[in-house]
């Protein structure tokens, strides 16, 4: 019997020749990009590279000057309403109402989306993001990591298939950053497509399935971490004693399990080398 091949699913995000200028400043100069469904994709670039502009166009907050952009198969211009039904956007600063409790923030968003059983939705998201015990407290009393977790939980009301996270760990301490990393990994594990815009290189290394580097309005590199590393000449092999970073020490002292394991492994490796 002849074998049948299944069609390749369309990417969750598809950009071709996207351009955008503000006056005489060309911010995007022809961006091409595809993001697979259910993946974590990191858009990496320095300040002013155009990362937030890309996200704003994809989330229908801004209109591009040229090219095409699709999210979940819908055109961001001609089908903007359909795009908004499938996405959620979390900006650089938490959109949390400090005067409301965590639960009340979630209930409010569910009611604004006209969803049935908003209280049940709120309770499920509080449990999913380990915020149940703090659910009745004012959000203004939350730590930075808790506020960001609540912010991301609010963005998931309505089960969007694509989530945009614009520099989600800006201003967070090391422990809070790891909390957000866990949340992002969980999102992809549930099949959500996550597009991150980030400046921190270690976040791209830890989180992303694929990484694109945006520079001066263009994608100048795009691939997995291993593919990007192959763009450089082979590294010379040197044996040096690896010392824990200050971040490793901080996380170990406050009791973060992964950091303690990393440090003990480092010391064990060093001991073996010395022996």
Protein backbone atom coordinates (compact mmCIF):
# COMPACT_ATOMS: atom_id res chain seq x y z
CA UNK A 1 0.00 0.00 0.00
CA UNK A 2 1.30 3.48 -0.77
CA UNK A 3 2.43 5.40 2.27
CA UNK A 4 0.68 8.65 3.05
CA UNK A 5 2.57 11.56 4.50
CA UNK A 6 0.88 13.82 6.97
CA UNK A 7 0.98 17.50 6.06
CA UNK A 8 3.35 19.59 8.12
CA UNK A 9 1.32 21.80 10.49
CA UNK A 10 1.49 25.49 9.77
CA UNK A 11 3.74 27.44 12.14
CA UNK A 12 2.13 29.22 15.06
CA UNK A 13 3.84 32.46 13.98
CA UNK A 14 4.79 33.32 10.41
CA UNK A 15 6.53 36.54 9.33
CA UNK A 16 7.75 37.48 5.88
CA UNK A 17 9.42 40.75 4.94
CA UNK A 18 8.03 42.62 7.94
CA UNK A 19 9.01 46.30 8.00
CA UNK A 20 8.25 49.19 10.33
CA UNK A 21 9.54 52.75 10.50
CA UNK A 22 8.94 55.60 12.91
CA UNK A 23 9.54 58.77 10.96
CA UNK A 24 13.00 58.46 9.44
CA UNK A 25 14.00 55.63 11.78
CA UNK A 26 13.77 52.16 10.18
CA UNK A 27 13.10 49.83 13.12
CA UNK A 28 12.28 46.64 11.19
CA UNK A 29 13.92 46.14 7.81
CA UNK A 30 12.44 42.91 6.50
CA UNK A 31 11.99 40.33 9.27
CA UNK A 32 11.41 36.69 8.29
CA UNK A 33 10.48 34.30 11.07
CA UNK A 34 8.65 31.00 11.70
CA UNK A 35 7.80 29.67 15.18
CA UNK A 36 6.66 26.07 15.55
CA UNK A 37 3.56 25.26 17.55
CA UNK A 38 4.18 24.27 21.17
CA UNK A 39 7.75 25.54 21.19
CA UNK A 40 9.64 28.17 23.17
CA UNK A 41 11.18 30.68 20.79
CA UNK A 42 13.57 33.37 22.01
CA UNK A 43 13.95 36.65 20.13
CA UNK A 44 17.28 37.96 21.29
CA UNK A 45 18.61 41.46 20.79
CA UNK A 46 19.97 44.55 22.46
CA UNK A 47 17.87 47.56 23.43
CA UNK A 48 16.45 49.23 20.35
CA UNK A 49 16.85 46.17 18.12
CA UNK A 50 13.10 46.05 17.42
CA UNK A 51 12.01 43.12 19.61
CA UNK A 52 9.07 44.89 21.25
CA UNK A 53 7.99 46.30 17.89
CA UNK A 54 7.75 42.76 16.50
CA UNK A 55 5.64 41.67 19.48
CA UNK A 56 3.37 44.71 19.21
CA UNK A 57 2.71 43.98 15.54
CA UNK A 58 2.03 40.29 16.21
CA UNK A 59 -0.38 41.17 19.03
CA UNK A 60 -2.22 43.70 16.78
CA UNK A 61 -1.22 46.69 18.93
CA UNK A 62 0.80 48.16 16.06
CA UNK A 63 0.52 47.94 12.30
CA UNK A 64 3.52 47.12 10.17
CA UNK A 65 4.42 49.14 7.11
CA UNK A 66 5.14 46.20 4.83
CA UNK A 67 5.37 42.45 4.65
CA UNK A 68 2.99 39.89 6.17
CA UNK A 69 2.45 38.50 9.66
CA UNK A 70 0.25 35.60 10.73
CA UNK A 71 -0.51 34.15 14.15
CA UNK A 72 -2.27 30.77 14.40
CA UNK A 73 -2.97 31.06 10.67
CA UNK A 74 -4.71 34.44 10.96
CA UNK A 75 -3.45 37.63 9.34
CA UNK A 76 -2.68 40.26 11.97
CA UNK A 77 -4.23 43.03 9.83
CA UNK A 78 -7.24 41.57 8.03
CA UNK A 79 -8.12 39.08 10.83
CA UNK A 80 -6.99 41.05 13.88
CA UNK A 81 -9.99 40.02 15.99
CA UNK A 82 -9.29 36.32 15.37
CA UNK A 83 -5.64 36.85 16.27
CA UNK A 84 -6.59 38.48 19.59
CA UNK A 85 -8.79 35.48 20.43
CA UNK A 86 -5.78 33.13 20.24
CA UNK A 87 -3.04 35.15 21.94
CA UNK A 88 -2.03 36.70 25.20
CA UNK A 89 0.62 39.34 25.88
CA UNK A 90 2.60 39.91 29.06
CA UNK A 91 4.68 43.08 28.93
CA UNK A 92 7.87 44.04 30.69
CA UNK A 93 5.98 45.27 33.75
CA UNK A 94 3.28 43.32 35.55
CA UNK A 95 -0.28 44.40 34.74
CA UNK A 96 -1.50 43.46 38.22
CA UNK A 97 -3.97 45.57 40.23
CA UNK A 98 -2.25 45.92 43.61
CA UNK A 99 -5.48 46.80 45.41
CA UNK A 100 -7.10 43.48 44.49
CA UNK A 101 -6.19 40.05 45.77
CA UNK A 102 -4.55 37.56 43.47
CA UNK A 103 -7.85 35.71 43.11
CA UNK A 104 -9.77 38.91 42.42
CA UNK A 105 -7.31 39.85 39.67
CA UNK A 106 -7.91 36.53 37.94
CA UNK A 107 -11.69 36.68 38.38
CA UNK A 108 -11.72 40.18 36.89
CA UNK A 109 -9.87 39.06 33.76
CA UNK A 110 -12.16 36.03 33.34
CA UNK A 111 -15.24 38.27 33.59
CA UNK A 112 -13.78 40.74 31.09
CA UNK A 113 -13.36 37.81 28.70
CA UNK A 114 -17.01 36.82 29.37
CA UNK A 115 -15.99 33.33 30.46
CA UNK A 116 -18.30 31.08 32.49
CA UNK A 117 -17.36 30.18 36.07
CA UNK A 118 -14.70 32.87 36.57
CA UNK A 119 -14.12 31.87 40.20
CA UNK A 120 -13.37 28.29 39.22
CA UNK A 121 -10.94 29.50 36.54
CA UNK A 122 -9.22 31.72 39.11
CA UNK A 123 -8.84 28.89 41.62
CA UNK A 124 -7.41 26.53 38.98
CA UNK A 125 -4.81 29.08 37.89
CA UNK A 126 -3.86 29.90 41.48
CA UNK A 127 -3.22 26.21 42.07
CA UNK A 128 -1.32 25.80 38.81
CA UNK A 129 1.05 28.65 39.68
CA UNK A 130 1.45 27.74 43.37
CA UNK A 131 -0.40 30.86 44.55
CA UNK A 132 -3.36 29.29 46.33
CA UNK A 133 -2.13 30.19 49.83
CA UNK A 134 -1.60 33.81 48.73
CA UNK A 135 -4.78 34.02 46.68
CA UNK A 136 -6.73 36.07 49.20
CA UNK A 137 -3.88 38.51 49.89
CA UNK A 138 -3.62 41.88 48.17
CA UNK A 139 -1.36 41.57 45.13
CA UNK A 140 0.52 44.64 46.37
CA UNK A 141 1.99 42.46 49.13
CA UNK A 142 3.41 39.89 46.69
CA UNK A 143 7.11 39.46 46.00
CA UNK A 144 8.46 40.19 42.52
CA UNK A 145 8.39 36.54 41.51
CA UNK A 146 4.85 36.06 42.81
CA UNK A 147 3.64 39.17 40.98
CA UNK A 148 5.16 37.94 37.73
CA UNK A 149 3.64 34.47 38.20
CA UNK A 150 0.25 36.08 38.81
CA UNK A 151 0.73 38.29 35.75
CA UNK A 152 1.45 35.27 33.56
CA UNK A 153 -1.50 33.40 35.12
CA UNK A 154 -3.75 36.34 34.19
CA UNK A 155 -2.48 36.12 30.62
CA UNK A 156 -3.57 32.47 30.46
CA UNK A 157 -7.22 33.11 31.27
CA UNK A 158 -9.09 31.76 28.26
CA UNK A 159 -6.36 29.25 27.29
CA UNK A 160 -4.56 31.20 24.53
CA UNK A 161 -2.57 29.05 22.12
CA UNK A 162 0.21 31.65 21.70
CA UNK A 163 1.73 33.68 24.53
CA UNK A 164 4.06 36.64 24.05
CA UNK A 165 6.35 37.37 26.99
CA UNK A 166 8.24 40.63 26.55
CA UNK A 167 11.34 40.47 28.76
CA UNK A 168 9.45 38.60 31.50
CA UNK A 169 12.25 38.60 34.10
CA UNK A 170 13.23 42.28 33.92
CA UNK A 171 13.97 43.56 37.42
CA UNK A 172 13.59 40.19 39.16
CA UNK A 173 16.08 38.73 41.64
CA UNK A 174 17.81 35.40 40.81
CA UNK A 175 15.32 33.23 42.71
CA UNK A 176 12.31 34.95 41.12
CA UNK A 177 13.89 34.53 37.68
CA UNK A 178 14.08 30.77 38.23
CA UNK A 179 10.43 30.74 39.29
CA UNK A 180 9.46 32.39 36.01
CA UNK A 181 11.68 29.98 34.06
CA UNK A 182 9.74 27.06 35.57
CA UNK A 183 6.44 28.69 34.56
CA UNK A 184 7.59 29.20 30.97
CA UNK A 185 8.78 25.60 30.68
CA UNK A 186 5.43 24.40 32.02
CA UNK A 187 3.54 26.47 29.45
CA UNK A 188 5.32 24.79 26.57
CA UNK A 189 4.78 21.43 28.24
CA UNK A 190 1.03 22.06 28.00
CA UNK A 191 1.32 22.77 24.25
CA UNK A 192 1.35 26.57 24.41
CA UNK A 193 3.58 28.39 21.94
CA UNK A 194 5.78 30.89 23.77
CA UNK A 195 7.60 33.77 22.11
CA UNK A 196 10.11 35.40 24.44
CA UNK A 197 11.89 38.65 23.89
CA UNK A 198 14.95 38.69 26.11
CA UNK A 199 18.30 40.34 26.67
CA UNK A 200 19.77 37.78 29.07
CA UNK A 201 21.79 35.18 27.16
CA UNK A 202 21.49 32.56 29.90
CA UNK A 203 17.70 32.64 29.62
CA UNK A 204 17.87 31.83 25.92
CA UNK A 205 20.26 28.97 26.66
CA UNK A 206 18.09 27.48 29.41
CA UNK A 207 14.63 27.96 27.91
CA UNK A 208 14.50 28.24 24.15
CA UNK A 209 14.03 25.49 21.59
CA UNK A 210 15.15 27.97 18.95
CA UNK A 211 16.82 31.38 19.11
CA UNK A 212 16.74 34.24 16.63
CA UNK A 213 19.08 37.21 16.91
CA UNK A 214 17.52 40.51 15.86
CA UNK A 215 20.04 43.22 15.06
CA UNK A 216 19.37 46.61 13.50
CA UNK A 217 15.94 45.52 12.36
CA UNK A 218 16.93 42.23 10.73
CA UNK A 219 17.22 38.59 11.79
CA UNK A 220 20.92 37.86 11.41
CA UNK A 221 20.91 34.33 12.89
CA UNK A 222 18.23 31.74 13.62
CA UNK A 223 18.59 28.20 14.93
CA UNK A 224 18.92 25.93 17.92
CA UNK A 225 21.61 26.68 20.46
CA UNK A 226 23.87 23.98 19.05
CA UNK A 227 23.34 25.28 15.50
CA UNK A 228 24.25 28.81 16.54
CA UNK A 229 27.36 27.58 18.35
CA UNK A 230 28.53 25.89 15.15
CA UNK A 231 28.68 29.32 13.49
CA UNK A 232 31.83 30.00 15.51
CA UNK A 233 35.24 28.31 15.08
CA UNK A 234 35.80 25.25 17.31
CA UNK A 235 36.78 26.27 20.81
CA UNK A 236 40.21 25.39 22.17
CA UNK A 237 39.98 22.84 24.97
CA UNK A 238 41.48 24.00 28.25
CA UNK A 239 41.18 22.41 31.68
CA UNK A 240 40.50 25.02 34.32
CA UNK A 241 39.06 24.97 37.81
CA UNK A 242 35.44 26.06 37.63
CA UNK A 243 34.28 28.19 40.54
CA UNK A 244 30.62 28.85 41.37
CA UNK A 245 29.28 32.24 40.33
CA UNK A 246 27.92 34.71 42.88
CA UNK A 247 24.42 33.81 41.68
CA UNK A 248 25.15 30.12 42.40
CA UNK A 249 26.34 31.02 45.90
CA UNK A 250 23.31 33.23 46.56
CA UNK A 251 20.82 30.56 45.48
CA UNK A 252 22.62 27.85 47.46
CA UNK A 253 22.66 29.93 50.64
CA UNK A 254 18.93 30.68 50.47
CA UNK A 255 18.22 27.00 49.93
CA UNK A 256 17.51 26.64 46.22
CA UNK A 257 17.95 22.92 45.50
CA UNK A 258 19.24 23.13 41.90
CA UNK A 259 21.93 25.63 42.84
CA UNK A 260 23.17 23.44 45.69
CA UNK A 261 23.41 20.50 43.32
CA UNK A 262 25.28 22.58 40.75
CA UNK A 263 27.82 23.75 43.33
CA UNK A 264 28.36 20.30 44.83
CA UNK A 265 28.87 18.89 41.33
CA UNK A 266 31.39 21.63 40.56
CA UNK A 267 33.35 20.91 43.73
CA UNK A 268 33.23 17.16 43.06
CA UNK A 269 34.59 17.67 39.55
CA UNK A 270 37.35 19.90 40.92
CA UNK A 271 38.25 17.37 43.61
CA UNK A 272 38.52 14.61 41.01
CA UNK A 273 40.74 16.75 38.82
CA UNK A 274 43.03 17.55 41.76
CA UNK A 275 43.23 13.91 42.75
